[in-house]
Amino acid sequence: MSDKKRLAPLAHTLHGTRPKIWLVWASNYGDDGSLLRAFFTEGAAQDFCDKCLAYDRTRPEPPRDIEDSPENDAEHNRWWKRLQRWQKRHPGGPDAWTHNTFTVQSFRLDPR
């Protein structure tokens, strides 16, 4: 398939001759971040970014009591299982949970 045909869905985002896509990044303060996904429209990218941000706010809170006892061990194990399920279900993928910032960035393509 030619580049022209592959880039046809981007026709509505053309500025001059260079199409634009939107990237959703996951990062932590001080790191370069990880690219999660690319989108043809800014709205779709922002929706996905918002979904990641909203999901991040649902992270299970760890138990507060850290005294070593069978009851606390059981509570910690329940929390750990909830956290693992939460991590696997993250909309950004199973590794996105380690990040605390999600952003959208535009990127111009060079169709050559």
C-alpha atoms as a PDB file:
ATOM      1  CA  MET A   1       0.000   0.000   0.000  1.00  0.00           C
ATOM      2  CA  SER A   2       1.355   3.416  -0.913  1.00  0.00           C
ATOM      3  CA  ASP A   3       2.061   6.103   1.681  1.00  0.00           C
ATOM      4  CA  LYS A   4      -0.626   8.245   0.114  1.00  0.00           C
ATOM      5  CA  LYS A   5      -3.267   5.563   0.672  1.00  0.00           C
ATOM      6  CA  ARG A   6      -2.076   4.840   4.225  1.00  0.00           C
ATOM      7  CA  LEU A   7      -2.239   8.537   5.108  1.00  0.00           C
ATOM      8  CA  ALA A   8      -5.633   9.122   3.504  1.00  0.00           C
ATOM      9  CA  PRO A   9      -7.463   8.906   6.871  1.00  0.00           C
ATOM     10  CA  LEU A  10      -5.362  11.871   7.999  1.00  0.00           C
ATOM     11  CA  ALA A  11      -6.633  14.157   5.241  1.00  0.00           C
ATOM     12  CA  HIS A  12      -8.797  16.145   7.687  1.00  0.00           C
ATOM     13  CA  THR A  13      -5.732  16.997   9.794  1.00  0.00           C
ATOM     14  CA  LEU A  14      -3.540  18.327   7.008  1.00  0.00           C
ATOM     15  CA  HIS A  15      -1.762  21.601   7.575  1.00  0.00           C
ATOM     16  CA  GLY A  16       0.038  22.405   4.362  1.00  0.00           C
ATOM     17  CA  THR A  17       1.425  19.084   3.225  1.00  0.00           C
ATOM     18  CA  ARG A  18       2.261  17.538   6.592  1.00  0.00           C
ATOM     19  CA  PRO A  19      -0.450  15.550   8.401  1.00  0.00           C
ATOM     20  CA  LYS A  20      -0.675  15.642  12.181  1.00  0.00           C
ATOM     21  CA  ILE A  21      -1.307  12.881  14.680  1.00  0.00           C
ATOM     22  CA  TRP A  22      -1.778  13.057  18.440  1.00  0.00           C
ATOM     23  CA  LEU A  23       0.264  10.994  20.867  1.00  0.00           C
ATOM     24  CA  VAL A  24      -0.681  10.031  24.413  1.00  0.00           C
ATOM     25  CA  TRP A  25       2.283   9.813  26.757  1.00  0.00           C
ATOM     26  CA  ALA A  26       2.572   8.365  30.252  1.00  0.00           C
ATOM     27  CA  SER A  27       5.324   9.743  32.450  1.00  0.00           C
ATOM     28  CA  ASN A  28       6.542  10.408  35.945  1.00  0.00           C
ATOM     29  CA  TYR A  29       8.182  13.568  37.117  1.00  0.00           C
ATOM     30  CA  GLY A  30      11.726  13.609  35.783  1.00  0.00           C
ATOM     31  CA  ASP A  31      11.551  10.778  33.246  1.00  0.00           C
ATOM     32  CA  ASP A  32      11.191  10.755  29.478  1.00  0.00           C
ATOM     33  CA  GLY A  33       7.911   8.882  29.579  1.00  0.00           C
ATOM     34  CA  SER A  34       6.401   6.106  27.511  1.00  0.00           C
ATOM     35  CA  LEU A  35       4.308   6.421  24.394  1.00  0.00           C
ATOM     36  CA  LEU A  36       0.981   4.684  24.983  1.00  0.00           C
ATOM     37  CA  ARG A  37      -0.951   5.270  21.755  1.00  0.00           C
ATOM     38  CA  ALA A  38      -1.278   7.459  18.656  1.00  0.00           C
ATOM     39  CA  PHE A  39      -4.562   8.845  17.301  1.00  0.00           C
ATOM     40  CA  PHE A  40      -5.757  10.469  14.103  1.00  0.00           C
ATOM     41  CA  THR A  41      -7.826  13.056  15.990  1.00  0.00           C
ATOM     42  CA  GLU A  42      -7.063  15.266  18.955  1.00  0.00           C
ATOM     43  CA  GLY A  43     -10.447  14.492  20.506  1.00  0.00           C
ATOM     44  CA  ALA A  44      -9.834  10.744  20.487  1.00  0.00           C
ATOM     45  CA  ALA A  45      -6.397  11.251  22.030  1.00  0.00           C
ATOM     46  CA  GLN A  46      -7.779  13.532  24.741  1.00  0.00           C
ATOM     47  CA  ASP A  47     -10.602  11.081  25.511  1.00  0.00           C
ATOM     48  CA  PHE A  48      -8.078   8.267  25.957  1.00  0.00           C
ATOM     49  CA  CYS A  49      -5.838  10.491  28.074  1.00  0.00           C
ATOM     50  CA  ASP A  50      -8.792  11.455  30.280  1.00  0.00           C
ATOM     51  CA  LYS A  51      -9.713   7.770  30.631  1.00  0.00           C
ATOM     52  CA  CYS A  52      -6.167   6.989  31.830  1.00  0.00           C
ATOM     53  CA  LEU A  53      -6.232   9.903  34.286  1.00  0.00           C
ATOM     54  CA  ALA A  54      -9.634   8.890  35.671  1.00  0.00           C
ATOM     55  CA  TYR A  55      -8.561   5.265  36.043  1.00  0.00           C
ATOM     56  CA  ASP A  56      -5.371   6.324  37.809  1.00  0.00           C
ATOM     57  CA  ARG A  57      -7.498   8.006  40.492  1.00  0.00           C
ATOM     58  CA  THR A  58      -9.170   4.645  41.266  1.00  0.00           C
ATOM     59  CA  ARG A  59      -5.911   2.994  42.418  1.00  0.00           C
ATOM     60  CA  PRO A  60      -6.634   0.843  45.482  1.00  0.00           C
ATOM     61  CA  GLU A  61      -5.306   2.410  48.662  1.00  0.00           C
ATOM     62  CA  PRO A  62      -2.848   0.256  50.625  1.00  0.00           C
ATOM     63  CA  PRO A  63      -3.735  -0.829  54.150  1.00  0.00           C
ATOM     64  CA  ARG A  64      -2.835   1.739  56.781  1.00  0.00           C
ATOM     65  CA  ASP A  65      -2.000  -0.673  59.597  1.00  0.00           C
ATOM     66  CA  ILE A  66       1.441  -2.184  59.099  1.00  0.00           C
ATOM     67  CA  GLU A  67       1.734  -4.060  62.406  1.00  0.00           C
ATOM     68  CA  ASP A  68       2.761  -7.656  61.761  1.00  0.00           C
ATOM     69  CA  SER A  69      -0.251  -9.814  62.547  1.00  0.00           C
ATOM     70  CA  PRO A  70      -2.257 -12.507  60.741  1.00  0.00           C
ATOM     71  CA  GLU A  71      -5.180 -10.101  60.300  1.00  0.00           C
ATOM     72  CA  ASN A  72      -2.971  -7.423  58.754  1.00  0.00           C
ATOM     73  CA  ASP A  73      -1.245  -9.993  56.553  1.00  0.00           C
ATOM     74  CA  ALA A  74      -4.635 -11.109  55.230  1.00  0.00           C
ATOM     75  CA  GLU A  75      -5.685  -7.495  54.616  1.00  0.00           C
ATOM     76  CA  HIS A  76      -2.411  -6.790  52.809  1.00  0.00           C
ATOM     77  CA  ASN A  77      -2.855  -9.889  50.620  1.00  0.00           C
ATOM     78  CA  ARG A  78      -6.407  -8.820  49.679  1.00  0.00           C
ATOM     79  CA  TRP A  79      -5.118  -5.345  48.789  1.00  0.00           C
ATOM     80  CA  TRP A  80      -2.246  -6.806  46.751  1.00  0.00           C
ATOM     81  CA  LYS A  81      -4.674  -8.923  44.696  1.00  0.00           C
ATOM     82  CA  ARG A  82      -6.922  -5.885  44.111  1.00  0.00           C
ATOM     83  CA  LEU A  83      -3.882  -3.843  43.031  1.00  0.00           C
ATOM     84  CA  GLN A  84      -2.740  -6.535  40.596  1.00  0.00           C
ATOM     85  CA  ARG A  85      -6.225  -6.701  39.002  1.00  0.00           C
ATOM     86  CA  TRP A  86      -6.272  -2.901  38.807  1.00  0.00           C
ATOM     87  CA  GLN A  87      -2.849  -2.858  37.122  1.00  0.00           C
ATOM     88  CA  LYS A  88      -3.877  -5.406  34.478  1.00  0.00           C
ATOM     89  CA  ARG A  89      -7.051  -3.456  33.638  1.00  0.00           C
ATOM     90  CA  HIS A  90      -5.365  -0.082  33.152  1.00  0.00           C
ATOM     91  CA  PRO A  91      -6.593   1.431  29.847  1.00  0.00           C
ATOM     92  CA  GLY A  92      -3.017   2.412  28.973  1.00  0.00           C
ATOM     93  CA  GLY A  93      -1.831  -1.177  29.307  1.00  0.00           C
ATOM     94  CA  PRO A  94      -0.406  -3.227  32.138  1.00  0.00           C
ATOM     95  CA  ASP A  95       2.752  -1.090  32.430  1.00  0.00           C
ATOM     96  CA  ALA A  96       1.003   2.303  32.424  1.00  0.00           C
ATOM     97  CA  TRP A  97       0.073   2.023  36.102  1.00  0.00           C
ATOM     98  CA  THR A  98       3.642   2.937  37.090  1.00  0.00           C
ATOM     99  CA  HIS A  99       3.165   6.459  35.686  1.00  0.00           C
ATOM    100  CA  ASN A 100       1.369   9.357  37.327  1.00  0.00           C
ATOM    101  CA  THR A 101       1.048  11.833  34.454  1.00  0.00           C
ATOM    102  CA  PHE A 102      -0.768  11.364  31.140  1.00  0.00           C
ATOM    103  CA  THR A 103      -0.530  13.990  28.392  1.00  0.00           C
ATOM    104  CA  VAL A 104      -1.446  14.569  24.739  1.00  0.00           C
ATOM    105  CA  GLN A 105       1.148  15.860  22.300  1.00  0.00           C
ATOM    106  CA  SER A 106       0.711  16.690  18.617  1.00  0.00           C
ATOM    107  CA  PHE A 107       3.207  15.397  16.088  1.00  0.00           C
ATOM    108  CA  ARG A 108       3.563  16.269  12.421  1.00  0.00           C
ATOM    109  CA  LEU A 109       4.303  13.395  10.054  1.00  0.00           C
ATOM    110  CA  ASP A 110       6.641  13.508   7.130  1.00  0.00           C
ATOM    111  CA  PRO A 111       4.897  11.303   4.535  1.00  0.00           C
ATOM    112  CA  ARG A 112       8.036  10.812   2.464  1.00  0.00           C
END
